[in-house]
Amino acid sequence: MKVPVIFSSILATVLLLGGCGNTSSNEGEGPNDNQNGATASGEMRTFTAPNGEEVSIPENPERIVTDFYAGEFLAVGANVVGAGSWSFSNPFIEEELKNIKDVGDPVNTEEVLELEPDLIVVMDEEQYETLSQIAPTVVIPYNTAKNVEESLQLFGELANAEAEAAQFLDSFNEEAEAARARVEEVVEDDATFGIYELTDKGDFWVFNDNAGRGGQVIYNALGLKAPDSIDEEVIKTGEMKQLSTEVIPDYAADYMFITDYHPEGDSKLPEMESSPIWQGLEAVKNNRVFINDFDTFYPYDPISVRGQIDLIADMIVERAENNGK
């Protein structure tokens, strides 16, 4: 089969890197040797990807490149050398990213080649064929892991860092339990919580428990309840739902957390807040609406979710105090 031009270019570049590199064990080896077992340690193992495909990956990955999963790998102590551009807007991993290369979005294969990874993990399979010529590549589709525990288990296995994953989970559960106790003191037993987003186009969405925006904190870590409409139509289906202004009351909660997304345009928040329908919501009347920063509450990797726990708990407790409860 004829090799496409882009693959030929990648192969030639990898061969050049292999010949000029400082790691003697890789000298003279082509890129496909990575797939077939050539790593610094020489030890490989089989990982079963979510699609059922078995991939040969390093026993102990030492140089990981990923498009969307920097936070997941950092949570289990893995060595990430390259990450997709979007990761660099995440304030919870800002310090860890200082020594990590931005490989673009979509991933720039030349940047990846220069990093000489021994494992590549991507959410988007579009570049799989190209990237898999460089190093063993695993595709982890969006929403594969449903919560922090599943995420730590998955990426702990990929990085051969199960002990680190378990340690992180223990710490996470302790912090969640402490925050839950604080919130329970000021929230009614039957109170409901909803997570929403207003975009720069004026679209209004309601979110589930695993699409960022603080969902894993509110519904999982803090164990708070959603209104029945959100629980049945959004959380249980795993989908997000766009709402017209007229139906917002049907999906309104006692406490409403809204990310205001307007990266390149004006916020539509003043327009929404002036709506008679909005003014009639119980959460608005009771001062229980929280407007949140997108970059802070969009991420849903374990490190970010842990960082969001106290932020959200503090919001709830402080608002209760301000409201005189």
C-alpha atoms as a PDB file:
ATOM      1  CA  MET A   1       0.000   0.000   0.000  1.00  0.00           C
ATOM      2  CA  LYS A   2       1.331   3.423  -0.950  1.00  0.00           C
ATOM      3  CA  VAL A   3       2.216   5.570   2.100  1.00  0.00           C
ATOM      4  CA  PRO A   4       0.608   9.063   1.994  1.00  0.00           C
ATOM      5  CA  VAL A   5       3.001  11.990   1.721  1.00  0.00           C
ATOM      6  CA  ILE A   6       2.303  13.199   5.267  1.00  0.00           C
ATOM      7  CA  PHE A   7       3.133   9.761   6.671  1.00  0.00           C
ATOM      8  CA  SER A   8       6.340   9.625   4.634  1.00  0.00           C
ATOM      9  CA  SER A   9       7.364  12.987   6.025  1.00  0.00           C
ATOM     10  CA  ILE A  10       6.640  11.848   9.586  1.00  0.00           C
ATOM     11  CA  LEU A  11       8.579   8.635   9.132  1.00  0.00           C
ATOM     12  CA  ALA A  12      11.576  10.494   7.749  1.00  0.00           C
ATOM     13  CA  THR A  13      11.523  12.971  10.619  1.00  0.00           C
ATOM     14  CA  VAL A  14      11.283  10.260  13.281  1.00  0.00           C
ATOM     15  CA  LEU A  15      14.159   8.359  11.719  1.00  0.00           C
ATOM     16  CA  LEU A  16      16.231  11.544  11.825  1.00  0.00           C
ATOM     17  CA  LEU A  17      15.323  12.151  15.462  1.00  0.00           C
ATOM     18  CA  GLY A  18      16.127   8.564  16.324  1.00  0.00           C
ATOM     19  CA  GLY A  19      19.540   8.804  14.688  1.00  0.00           C
ATOM     20  CA  CYS A  20      20.409  12.082  16.395  1.00  0.00           C
ATOM     21  CA  GLY A  21      18.906  11.389  19.819  1.00  0.00           C
ATOM     22  CA  ASN A  22      20.855  10.901  23.028  1.00  0.00           C
ATOM     23  CA  THR A  23      19.054   7.684  24.038  1.00  0.00           C
ATOM     24  CA  SER A  24      21.216   4.868  22.754  1.00  0.00           C
ATOM     25  CA  SER A  25      18.448   2.272  23.019  1.00  0.00           C
ATOM     26  CA  ASN A  26      16.514   4.094  20.288  1.00  0.00           C
ATOM     27  CA  GLU A  27      19.339   4.591  17.821  1.00  0.00           C
ATOM     28  CA  GLY A  28      18.570   3.348  14.355  1.00  0.00           C
ATOM     29  CA  GLU A  29      14.958   2.452  15.140  1.00  0.00           C
ATOM     30  CA  GLY A  30      11.972   3.525  13.034  1.00  0.00           C
ATOM     31  CA  PRO A  31       8.755   4.990  14.453  1.00  0.00           C
ATOM     32  CA  ASN A  32       6.772   1.784  14.247  1.00  0.00           C
ATOM     33  CA  ASP A  33       9.223   0.186  16.664  1.00  0.00           C
ATOM     34  CA  ASN A  34       7.470   2.279  19.306  1.00  0.00           C
ATOM     35  CA  GLN A  35       4.263   0.417  18.584  1.00  0.00           C
ATOM     36  CA  ASN A  36       6.063  -2.916  18.533  1.00  0.00           C
ATOM     37  CA  GLY A  37       7.917  -2.608  21.797  1.00  0.00           C
ATOM     38  CA  ALA A  38      10.883  -0.234  21.616  1.00  0.00           C
ATOM     39  CA  THR A  39      10.915   2.078  24.647  1.00  0.00           C
ATOM     40  CA  ALA A  40      13.647   3.332  26.947  1.00  0.00           C
ATOM     41  CA  SER A  41      12.994   0.436  29.325  1.00  0.00           C
ATOM     42  CA  GLY A  42      12.049  -2.036  26.598  1.00  0.00           C
ATOM     43  CA  GLU A  43       9.028  -3.230  28.581  1.00  0.00           C
ATOM     44  CA  MET A  44       5.554  -3.068  27.043  1.00  0.00           C
ATOM     45  CA  ARG A  45       2.087  -4.122  28.117  1.00  0.00           C
ATOM     46  CA  THR A  46      -1.339  -4.410  26.528  1.00  0.00           C
ATOM     47  CA  PHE A  47      -3.975  -1.790  27.210  1.00  0.00           C
ATOM     48  CA  THR A  48      -7.548  -2.342  26.100  1.00  0.00           C
ATOM     49  CA  ALA A  49      -8.928   0.918  24.710  1.00  0.00           C
ATOM     50  CA  PRO A  50     -12.590   1.905  25.232  1.00  0.00           C
ATOM     51  CA  ASN A  51     -13.414   0.714  21.706  1.00  0.00           C
ATOM     52  CA  GLY A  52     -12.081  -2.739  22.574  1.00  0.00           C
ATOM     53  CA  GLU A  53      -8.870  -2.392  20.583  1.00  0.00           C
ATOM     54  CA  GLU A  54      -5.757  -3.736  22.279  1.00  0.00           C
ATOM     55  CA  VAL A  55      -2.823  -1.333  22.148  1.00  0.00           C
ATOM     56  CA  SER A  56       0.762  -2.096  23.112  1.00  0.00           C
ATOM     57  CA  ILE A  57       1.944   0.718  25.389  1.00  0.00           C
ATOM     58  CA  PRO A  58       5.004   1.240  27.614  1.00  0.00           C
ATOM     59  CA  GLU A  59       4.935  -0.483  30.979  1.00  0.00           C
ATOM     60  CA  ASN A  60       5.903   2.825  32.587  1.00  0.00           C
ATOM     61  CA  PRO A  61       5.291   5.753  30.218  1.00  0.00           C
ATOM     62  CA  GLU A  62       7.908   8.451  30.691  1.00  0.00           C
ATOM     63  CA  ARG A  63       6.976  11.054  28.066  1.00  0.00           C
ATOM     64  CA  ILE A  64       3.241  11.509  27.533  1.00  0.00           C
ATOM     65  CA  VAL A  65       1.595  13.811  24.998  1.00  0.00           C
ATOM     66  CA  THR A  66      -2.159  14.411  25.115  1.00  0.00           C
ATOM     67  CA  ASP A  67      -4.683  16.737  23.549  1.00  0.00           C
ATOM     68  CA  PHE A  68      -7.304  17.082  26.311  1.00  0.00           C
ATOM     69  CA  TYR A  69      -6.156  14.955  29.244  1.00  0.00           C
ATOM     70  CA  ALA A  70      -3.286  16.865  30.873  1.00  0.00           C
ATOM     71  CA  GLY A  71      -5.174  17.295  34.152  1.00  0.00           C
ATOM     72  CA  GLU A  72      -6.132  13.629  34.283  1.00  0.00           C
ATOM     73  CA  PHE A  73      -2.529  12.493  33.876  1.00  0.00           C
ATOM     74  CA  LEU A  74      -1.146  15.112  36.265  1.00  0.00           C
ATOM     75  CA  ALA A  75      -3.612  13.910  38.903  1.00  0.00           C
ATOM     76  CA  VAL A  76      -1.913  10.504  38.943  1.00  0.00           C
ATOM     77  CA  GLY A  77       1.606  11.947  38.881  1.00  0.00           C
ATOM     78  CA  ALA A  78       2.388  11.057  35.266  1.00  0.00           C
ATOM     79  CA  ASN A  79       5.034  12.941  33.280  1.00  0.00           C
ATOM     80  CA  VAL A  80       3.244  14.989  30.632  1.00  0.00           C
ATOM     81  CA  VAL A  81       5.596  16.660  28.131  1.00  0.00           C
ATOM     82  CA  GLY A  82       2.999  18.021  25.703  1.00  0.00           C
ATOM     83  CA  ALA A  83      -0.652  19.068  25.968  1.00  0.00           C
ATOM     84  CA  GLY A  84      -3.340  20.606  23.763  1.00  0.00           C
ATOM     85  CA  SER A  85      -3.798  24.373  23.784  1.00  0.00           C
ATOM     86  CA  TRP A  86      -7.086  24.396  25.696  1.00  0.00           C
ATOM     87  CA  SER A  87      -5.372  22.944  28.798  1.00  0.00           C
ATOM     88  CA  PHE A  88      -3.386  26.140  29.245  1.00  0.00           C
ATOM     89  CA  SER A  89      -6.485  28.141  30.180  1.00  0.00           C
ATOM     90  CA  ASN A  90      -7.118  25.860  33.164  1.00  0.00           C
ATOM     91  CA  PRO A  91      -6.178  27.785  36.333  1.00  0.00           C
ATOM     92  CA  PHE A  92      -6.006  24.643  38.474  1.00  0.00           C
ATOM     93  CA  ILE A  93      -3.000  23.202  36.625  1.00  0.00           C
ATOM     94  CA  GLU A  94      -1.307  26.456  35.693  1.00  0.00           C
ATOM     95  CA  GLU A  95       1.859  25.759  37.699  1.00  0.00           C
ATOM     96  CA  GLU A  96       2.223  22.187  36.430  1.00  0.00           C
ATOM     97  CA  LEU A  97       1.896  23.370  32.826  1.00  0.00           C
ATOM     98  CA  LYS A  98       4.844  25.766  33.001  1.00  0.00           C
ATOM     99  CA  ASN A  99       7.245  23.038  31.869  1.00  0.00           C
ATOM    100  CA  ILE A 100       4.834  21.384  29.420  1.00  0.00           C
ATOM    101  CA  LYS A 101       4.823  22.159  25.703  1.00  0.00           C
ATOM    102  CA  ASP A 102       1.684  23.510  24.046  1.00  0.00           C
ATOM    103  CA  VAL A 103       1.206  21.208  21.035  1.00  0.00           C
ATOM    104  CA  GLY A 104      -1.733  23.101  19.597  1.00  0.00           C
ATOM    105  CA  ASP A 105      -5.382  22.442  18.850  1.00  0.00           C
ATOM    106  CA  PRO A 106      -5.609  20.383  16.749  1.00  0.00           C
ATOM    107  CA  VAL A 107      -2.374  18.718  17.755  1.00  0.00           C
ATOM    108  CA  ASN A 108       0.643  19.789  15.689  1.00  0.00           C
ATOM    109  CA  THR A 109       2.416  16.577  14.664  1.00  0.00           C
ATOM    110  CA  GLU A 110       5.767  18.309  14.197  1.00  0.00           C
ATOM    111  CA  GLU A 111       5.631  19.595  17.771  1.00  0.00           C
ATOM    112  CA  VAL A 112       4.794  16.087  18.952  1.00  0.00           C
ATOM    113  CA  LEU A 113       7.716  14.594  17.025  1.00  0.00           C
ATOM    114  CA  GLU A 114      10.156  16.985  18.650  1.00  0.00           C
ATOM    115  CA  LEU A 115       8.974  15.899  22.107  1.00  0.00           C
ATOM    116  CA  GLU A 116       9.763  12.231  21.373  1.00  0.00           C
ATOM    117  CA  PRO A 117       6.834  10.832  23.382  1.00  0.00           C
ATOM    118  CA  ASP A 118       6.548   7.189  24.312  1.00  0.00           C
ATOM    119  CA  LEU A 119       2.741   7.434  24.736  1.00  0.00           C
ATOM    120  CA  ILE A 120       0.127   9.626  23.067  1.00  0.00           C
ATOM    121  CA  VAL A 121      -3.439   9.807  24.407  1.00  0.00           C
ATOM    122  CA  VAL A 122      -6.098  11.752  22.530  1.00  0.00           C
ATOM    123  CA  MET A 123      -9.822  12.413  22.751  1.00  0.00           C
ATOM    124  CA  ASP A 124     -10.230  13.019  19.036  1.00  0.00           C
ATOM    125  CA  GLU A 125      -9.503  10.024  16.776  1.00  0.00           C
ATOM    126  CA  GLU A 126      -9.194  12.192  13.664  1.00  0.00           C
ATOM    127  CA  GLN A 127      -5.382  12.321  13.946  1.00  0.00           C
ATOM    128  CA  TYR A 128      -4.942   8.770  15.196  1.00  0.00           C
ATOM    129  CA  GLU A 129      -3.390   7.341  12.037  1.00  0.00           C
ATOM    130  CA  THR A 130      -0.801  10.107  11.904  1.00  0.00           C
ATOM    131  CA  LEU A 131       0.049  10.181  15.601  1.00  0.00           C
ATOM    132  CA  SER A 132       0.275   6.406  15.893  1.00  0.00           C
ATOM    133  CA  GLN A 133       3.231   6.546  13.503  1.00  0.00           C
ATOM    134  CA  ILE A 134       5.101   8.496  16.161  1.00  0.00           C
ATOM    135  CA  ALA A 135       4.358   6.485  19.331  1.00  0.00           C
ATOM    136  CA  PRO A 136       1.738   4.142  20.769  1.00  0.00           C
ATOM    137  CA  THR A 137      -1.520   6.092  20.620  1.00  0.00           C
ATOM    138  CA  VAL A 138      -4.702   5.504  22.612  1.00  0.00           C
ATOM    139  CA  VAL A 139      -8.036   7.180  21.859  1.00  0.00           C
ATOM    140  CA  ILE A 140     -10.160   7.956  24.929  1.00  0.00           C
ATOM    141  CA  PRO A 141     -13.466   9.424  23.648  1.00  0.00           C
ATOM    142  CA  TYR A 142     -15.231  12.262  25.427  1.00  0.00           C
ATOM    143  CA  ASN A 143     -17.285  11.175  28.436  1.00  0.00           C
ATOM    144  CA  THR A 144     -15.599   7.771  28.743  1.00  0.00           C
ATOM    145  CA  ALA A 145     -15.054   8.348  32.462  1.00  0.00           C
ATOM    146  CA  LYS A 146     -18.241   9.452  34.230  1.00  0.00           C
ATOM    147  CA  ASN A 147     -16.749  10.807  37.459  1.00  0.00           C
ATOM    148  CA  VAL A 148     -13.506  11.460  39.311  1.00  0.00           C
ATOM    149  CA  GLU A 149     -13.189   7.871  40.527  1.00  0.00           C
ATOM    150  CA  GLU A 150     -13.546   6.433  37.020  1.00  0.00           C
ATOM    151  CA  SER A 151     -11.167   9.042  35.619  1.00  0.00           C
ATOM    152  CA  LEU A 152      -8.478   8.232  38.176  1.00  0.00           C
ATOM    153  CA  GLN A 153      -8.892   4.518  37.562  1.00  0.00           C
ATOM    154  CA  LEU A 154      -8.585   4.929  33.781  1.00  0.00           C
ATOM    155  CA  PHE A 155      -5.595   7.259  33.716  1.00  0.00           C
ATOM    156  CA  GLY A 156      -3.929   5.517  36.624  1.00  0.00           C
ATOM    157  CA  GLU A 157      -4.017   2.348  34.537  1.00  0.00           C
ATOM    158  CA  LEU A 158      -2.690   4.118  31.441  1.00  0.00           C
ATOM    159  CA  ALA A 159       0.225   5.624  33.373  1.00  0.00           C
ATOM    160  CA  ASN A 160       0.789   2.532  35.536  1.00  0.00           C
ATOM    161  CA  ALA A 161       0.132   4.775  38.527  1.00  0.00           C
ATOM    162  CA  GLU A 162      -2.690   3.002  40.338  1.00  0.00           C
ATOM    163  CA  ALA A 163      -1.194   3.760  43.759  1.00  0.00           C
ATOM    164  CA  GLU A 164      -1.010   7.486  43.004  1.00  0.00           C
ATOM    165  CA  ALA A 165      -4.585   7.406  41.692  1.00  0.00           C
ATOM    166  CA  ALA A 166      -5.814   5.746  44.881  1.00  0.00           C
ATOM    167  CA  GLN A 167      -3.977   8.299  47.007  1.00  0.00           C
ATOM    168  CA  PHE A 168      -5.538  11.180  45.080  1.00  0.00           C
ATOM    169  CA  LEU A 169      -8.993   9.645  45.453  1.00  0.00           C
ATOM    170  CA  ASP A 170      -8.593   9.279  49.215  1.00  0.00           C
ATOM    171  CA  SER A 171      -7.617  12.942  49.511  1.00  0.00           C
ATOM    172  CA  PHE A 172     -10.448  13.977  47.210  1.00  0.00           C
ATOM    173  CA  ASN A 173     -13.046  12.071  49.237  1.00  0.00           C
ATOM    174  CA  GLU A 174     -11.831  13.639  52.476  1.00  0.00           C
ATOM    175  CA  GLU A 175     -12.140  17.152  51.039  1.00  0.00           C
ATOM    176  CA  ALA A 176     -15.565  16.374  49.583  1.00  0.00           C
ATOM    177  CA  GLU A 177     -16.829  15.024  52.903  1.00  0.00           C
ATOM    178  CA  ALA A 178     -15.673  18.122  54.784  1.00  0.00           C
ATOM    179  CA  ALA A 179     -17.262  20.471  52.240  1.00  0.00           C
ATOM    180  CA  ARG A 180     -20.476  18.434  52.212  1.00  0.00           C
ATOM    181  CA  ALA A 181     -20.789  18.829  55.968  1.00  0.00           C
ATOM    182  CA  ARG A 182     -20.437  22.604  55.677  1.00  0.00           C
ATOM    183  CA  VAL A 183     -23.061  22.850  52.949  1.00  0.00           C
ATOM    184  CA  GLU A 184     -25.545  20.617  54.738  1.00  0.00           C
ATOM    185  CA  GLU A 185     -25.646  23.095  57.620  1.00  0.00           C
ATOM    186  CA  VAL A 186     -27.107  25.857  55.430  1.00  0.00           C
ATOM    187  CA  VAL A 187     -29.083  24.033  52.701  1.00  0.00           C
ATOM    188  CA  GLU A 188     -32.596  22.694  53.124  1.00  0.00           C
ATOM    189  CA  ASP A 189     -32.957  18.927  52.699  1.00  0.00           C
ATOM    190  CA  ASP A 190     -35.275  19.290  49.713  1.00  0.00           C
ATOM    191  CA  ALA A 191     -33.362  22.112  47.988  1.00  0.00           C
ATOM    192  CA  THR A 192     -32.568  21.633  44.304  1.00  0.00           C
ATOM    193  CA  PHE A 193     -29.516  22.710  42.312  1.00  0.00           C
ATOM    194  CA  GLY A 194     -29.101  23.375  38.608  1.00  0.00           C
ATOM    195  CA  ILE A 195     -26.093  24.075  36.376  1.00  0.00           C
ATOM    196  CA  TYR A 196     -26.502  26.297  33.341  1.00  0.00           C
ATOM    197  CA  GLU A 197     -24.558  28.260  30.769  1.00  0.00           C
ATOM    198  CA  LEU A 198     -25.318  31.487  28.946  1.00  0.00           C
ATOM    199  CA  THR A 199     -23.358  31.966  25.718  1.00  0.00           C
ATOM    200  CA  ASP A 200     -22.296  35.081  23.850  1.00  0.00           C
ATOM    201  CA  LYS A 201     -24.996  34.260  21.299  1.00  0.00           C
ATOM    202  CA  GLY A 202     -27.689  34.379  23.973  1.00  0.00           C
ATOM    203  CA  ASP A 203     -28.200  30.605  24.047  1.00  0.00           C
ATOM    204  CA  PHE A 204     -29.111  29.165  27.446  1.00  0.00           C
ATOM    205  CA  TRP A 205     -28.184  25.568  28.285  1.00  0.00           C
ATOM    206  CA  VAL A 206     -28.721  23.241  31.230  1.00  0.00           C
ATOM    207  CA  PHE A 207     -25.919  20.783  31.993  1.00  0.00           C
ATOM    208  CA  ASN A 208     -25.560  17.330  33.500  1.00  0.00           C
ATOM    209  CA  ASP A 209     -23.176  16.010  36.152  1.00  0.00           C
ATOM    210  CA  ASN A 210     -20.237  15.304  33.832  1.00  0.00           C
ATOM    211  CA  ALA A 211     -19.795  18.147  31.385  1.00  0.00           C
ATOM    212  CA  GLY A 212     -17.809  20.566  33.506  1.00  0.00           C
ATOM    213  CA  ARG A 213     -19.335  23.781  34.862  1.00  0.00           C
ATOM    214  CA  GLY A 214     -19.108  22.347  38.397  1.00  0.00           C
ATOM    215  CA  GLY A 215     -21.427  19.412  37.790  1.00  0.00           C
ATOM    216  CA  GLN A 216     -19.203  16.788  39.367  1.00  0.00           C
ATOM    217  CA  VAL A 217     -18.842  18.922  42.467  1.00  0.00           C
ATOM    218  CA  ILE A 218     -22.507  19.793  42.942  1.00  0.00           C
ATOM    219  CA  TYR A 219     -24.077  16.441  42.117  1.00  0.00           C
ATOM    220  CA  ASN A 220     -21.303  13.993  43.023  1.00  0.00           C
ATOM    221  CA  ALA A 221     -18.870  15.455  45.551  1.00  0.00           C
ATOM    222  CA  LEU A 222     -21.470  17.469  47.475  1.00  0.00           C
ATOM    223  CA  GLY A 223     -24.346  15.072  46.779  1.00  0.00           C
ATOM    224  CA  LEU A 224     -26.861  17.827  46.034  1.00  0.00           C
ATOM    225  CA  LYS A 225     -30.123  17.206  44.170  1.00  0.00           C
ATOM    226  CA  ALA A 226     -31.312  18.370  40.768  1.00  0.00           C
ATOM    227  CA  PRO A 227     -34.921  19.265  39.952  1.00  0.00           C
ATOM    228  CA  ASP A 228     -36.842  16.287  38.566  1.00  0.00           C
ATOM    229  CA  SER A 229     -36.889  17.780  35.070  1.00  0.00           C
ATOM    230  CA  ILE A 230     -33.095  18.060  34.977  1.00  0.00           C
ATOM    231  CA  ASP A 231     -32.584  14.696  36.611  1.00  0.00           C
ATOM    232  CA  GLU A 232     -34.798  12.873  34.097  1.00  0.00           C
ATOM    233  CA  GLU A 233     -34.016  14.760  30.897  1.00  0.00           C
ATOM    234  CA  VAL A 234     -30.404  15.800  31.389  1.00  0.00           C
ATOM    235  CA  ILE A 235     -28.513  13.858  34.048  1.00  0.00           C
ATOM    236  CA  LYS A 236     -29.955  10.423  33.338  1.00  0.00           C
ATOM    237  CA  THR A 237     -29.610  10.883  29.579  1.00  0.00           C
ATOM    238  CA  GLY A 238     -26.069  12.267  29.850  1.00  0.00           C
ATOM    239  CA  GLU A 239     -27.027  15.092  27.501  1.00  0.00           C
ATOM    240  CA  MET A 240     -27.033  18.875  27.662  1.00  0.00           C
ATOM    241  CA  LYS A 241     -30.275  20.659  26.797  1.00  0.00           C
ATOM    242  CA  GLN A 242     -30.787  24.062  25.213  1.00  0.00           C
ATOM    243  CA  LEU A 243     -33.639  26.034  26.730  1.00  0.00           C
ATOM    244  CA  SER A 244     -35.746  28.773  25.231  1.00  0.00           C
ATOM    245  CA  THR A 245     -36.482  31.652  27.581  1.00  0.00           C
ATOM    246  CA  GLU A 246     -40.090  30.560  27.921  1.00  0.00           C
ATOM    247  CA  VAL A 247     -39.247  27.126  29.357  1.00  0.00           C
ATOM    248  CA  ILE A 248     -36.489  28.172  31.769  1.00  0.00           C
ATOM    249  CA  PRO A 249     -38.962  28.080  34.711  1.00  0.00           C
ATOM    250  CA  ASP A 250     -39.590  24.382  33.969  1.00  0.00           C
ATOM    251  CA  TYR A 251     -35.896  23.636  34.566  1.00  0.00           C
ATOM    252  CA  ALA A 252     -35.174  26.207  37.237  1.00  0.00           C
ATOM    253  CA  ALA A 253     -33.712  25.121  40.578  1.00  0.00           C
ATOM    254  CA  ASP A 254     -33.674  26.624  44.048  1.00  0.00           C
ATOM    255  CA  TYR A 255     -29.964  27.300  43.526  1.00  0.00           C
ATOM    256  CA  MET A 256     -28.781  28.142  39.992  1.00  0.00           C
ATOM    257  CA  PHE A 257     -25.113  28.141  38.946  1.00  0.00           C
ATOM    258  CA  ILE A 258     -24.498  29.830  35.605  1.00  0.00           C
ATOM    259  CA  THR A 259     -21.279  30.097  33.614  1.00  0.00           C
ATOM    260  CA  ASP A 260     -21.213  33.271  31.537  1.00  0.00           C
ATOM    261  CA  TYR A 261     -19.433  32.328  28.294  1.00  0.00           C
ATOM    262  CA  HIS A 262     -18.434  35.245  26.080  1.00  0.00           C
ATOM    263  CA  PRO A 263     -14.815  34.796  24.937  1.00  0.00           C
ATOM    264  CA  GLU A 264     -15.019  37.170  21.986  1.00  0.00           C
ATOM    265  CA  GLY A 265     -18.281  39.035  22.444  1.00  0.00           C
ATOM    266  CA  ASP A 266     -20.357  40.912  24.955  1.00  0.00           C
ATOM    267  CA  SER A 267     -22.060  39.123  27.795  1.00  0.00           C
ATOM    268  CA  LYS A 268     -25.766  38.544  27.324  1.00  0.00           C
ATOM    269  CA  LEU A 269     -26.271  38.462  31.077  1.00  0.00           C
ATOM    270  CA  PRO A 270     -27.786  41.969  31.433  1.00  0.00           C
ATOM    271  CA  GLU A 271     -30.333  41.167  28.747  1.00  0.00           C
ATOM    272  CA  MET A 272     -31.298  37.901  30.425  1.00  0.00           C
ATOM    273  CA  GLU A 273     -31.525  39.452  33.882  1.00  0.00           C
ATOM    274  CA  SER A 274     -33.929  42.113  32.630  1.00  0.00           C
ATOM    275  CA  SER A 275     -36.373  39.494  31.350  1.00  0.00           C
ATOM    276  CA  PRO A 276     -39.680  39.294  33.275  1.00  0.00           C
ATOM    277  CA  ILE A 277     -39.449  35.495  33.130  1.00  0.00           C
ATOM    278  CA  TRP A 278     -36.018  35.612  34.755  1.00  0.00           C
ATOM    279  CA  GLN A 279     -37.156  38.055  37.402  1.00  0.00           C
ATOM    280  CA  GLY A 280     -39.968  35.664  38.320  1.00  0.00           C
ATOM    281  CA  LEU A 281     -37.681  32.737  39.183  1.00  0.00           C
ATOM    282  CA  GLU A 282     -37.566  31.761  42.867  1.00  0.00           C
ATOM    283  CA  ALA A 283     -33.760  31.508  42.762  1.00  0.00           C
ATOM    284  CA  VAL A 284     -33.591  35.123  41.595  1.00  0.00           C
ATOM    285  CA  LYS A 285     -36.087  36.328  44.219  1.00  0.00           C
ATOM    286  CA  ASN A 286     -34.175  34.501  46.976  1.00  0.00           C
ATOM    287  CA  ASN A 287     -30.713  35.672  45.821  1.00  0.00           C
ATOM    288  CA  ARG A 288     -29.544  32.150  45.029  1.00  0.00           C
ATOM    289  CA  VAL A 289     -28.155  32.671  41.530  1.00  0.00           C
ATOM    290  CA  PHE A 290     -24.382  32.342  41.123  1.00  0.00           C
ATOM    291  CA  ILE A 291     -22.626  33.717  38.018  1.00  0.00           C
ATOM    292  CA  ASN A 292     -19.326  31.926  37.447  1.00  0.00           C
ATOM    293  CA  ASP A 293     -16.202  32.285  35.340  1.00  0.00           C
ATOM    294  CA  PHE A 294     -16.033  29.884  32.388  1.00  0.00           C
ATOM    295  CA  ASP A 295     -12.300  29.040  32.604  1.00  0.00           C
ATOM    296  CA  THR A 296     -12.593  28.222  36.303  1.00  0.00           C
ATOM    297  CA  PHE A 297     -15.645  25.995  36.094  1.00  0.00           C
ATOM    298  CA  TYR A 298     -15.436  24.432  32.642  1.00  0.00           C
ATOM    299  CA  PRO A 299     -12.677  21.867  33.471  1.00  0.00           C
ATOM    300  CA  TYR A 300     -13.684  18.482  34.860  1.00  0.00           C
ATOM    301  CA  ASP A 301     -10.398  16.645  35.372  1.00  0.00           C
ATOM    302  CA  PRO A 302      -9.782  15.384  38.936  1.00  0.00           C
ATOM    303  CA  ILE A 303      -7.469  18.250  39.895  1.00  0.00           C
ATOM    304  CA  SER A 304      -9.965  20.861  38.719  1.00  0.00           C
ATOM    305  CA  VAL A 305     -12.937  19.180  40.354  1.00  0.00           C
ATOM    306  CA  ARG A 306     -11.031  19.000  43.638  1.00  0.00           C
ATOM    307  CA  GLY A 307     -10.194  22.691  43.334  1.00  0.00           C
ATOM    308  CA  GLN A 308     -13.826  23.560  42.641  1.00  0.00           C
ATOM    309  CA  ILE A 309     -15.139  21.809  45.754  1.00  0.00           C
ATOM    310  CA  ASP A 310     -14.278  24.553  48.230  1.00  0.00           C
ATOM    311  CA  LEU A 311     -15.071  27.310  45.727  1.00  0.00           C
ATOM    312  CA  ILE A 312     -18.647  26.095  45.343  1.00  0.00           C
ATOM    313  CA  ALA A 313     -19.083  25.206  49.015  1.00  0.00           C
ATOM    314  CA  ASP A 314     -17.861  28.683  49.968  1.00  0.00           C
ATOM    315  CA  MET A 315     -20.336  30.278  47.548  1.00  0.00           C
ATOM    316  CA  ILE A 316     -23.261  28.429  49.084  1.00  0.00           C
ATOM    317  CA  VAL A 317     -22.254  29.059  52.692  1.00  0.00           C
ATOM    318  CA  GLU A 318     -21.392  32.728  52.179  1.00  0.00           C
ATOM    319  CA  ARG A 319     -24.610  33.402  50.275  1.00  0.00           C
ATOM    320  CA  ALA A 320     -26.619  31.777  53.068  1.00  0.00           C
ATOM    321  CA  GLU A 321     -24.897  34.052  55.569  1.00  0.00           C
ATOM    322  CA  ASN A 322     -25.556  37.109  53.404  1.00  0.00           C
ATOM    323  CA  ASN A 323     -29.196  36.115  53.038  1.00  0.00           C
ATOM    324  CA  GLY A 324     -29.498  35.982  56.790  1.00  0.00           C
ATOM    325  CA  LYS A 325     -29.908  32.266  57.303  1.00  0.00           C
END
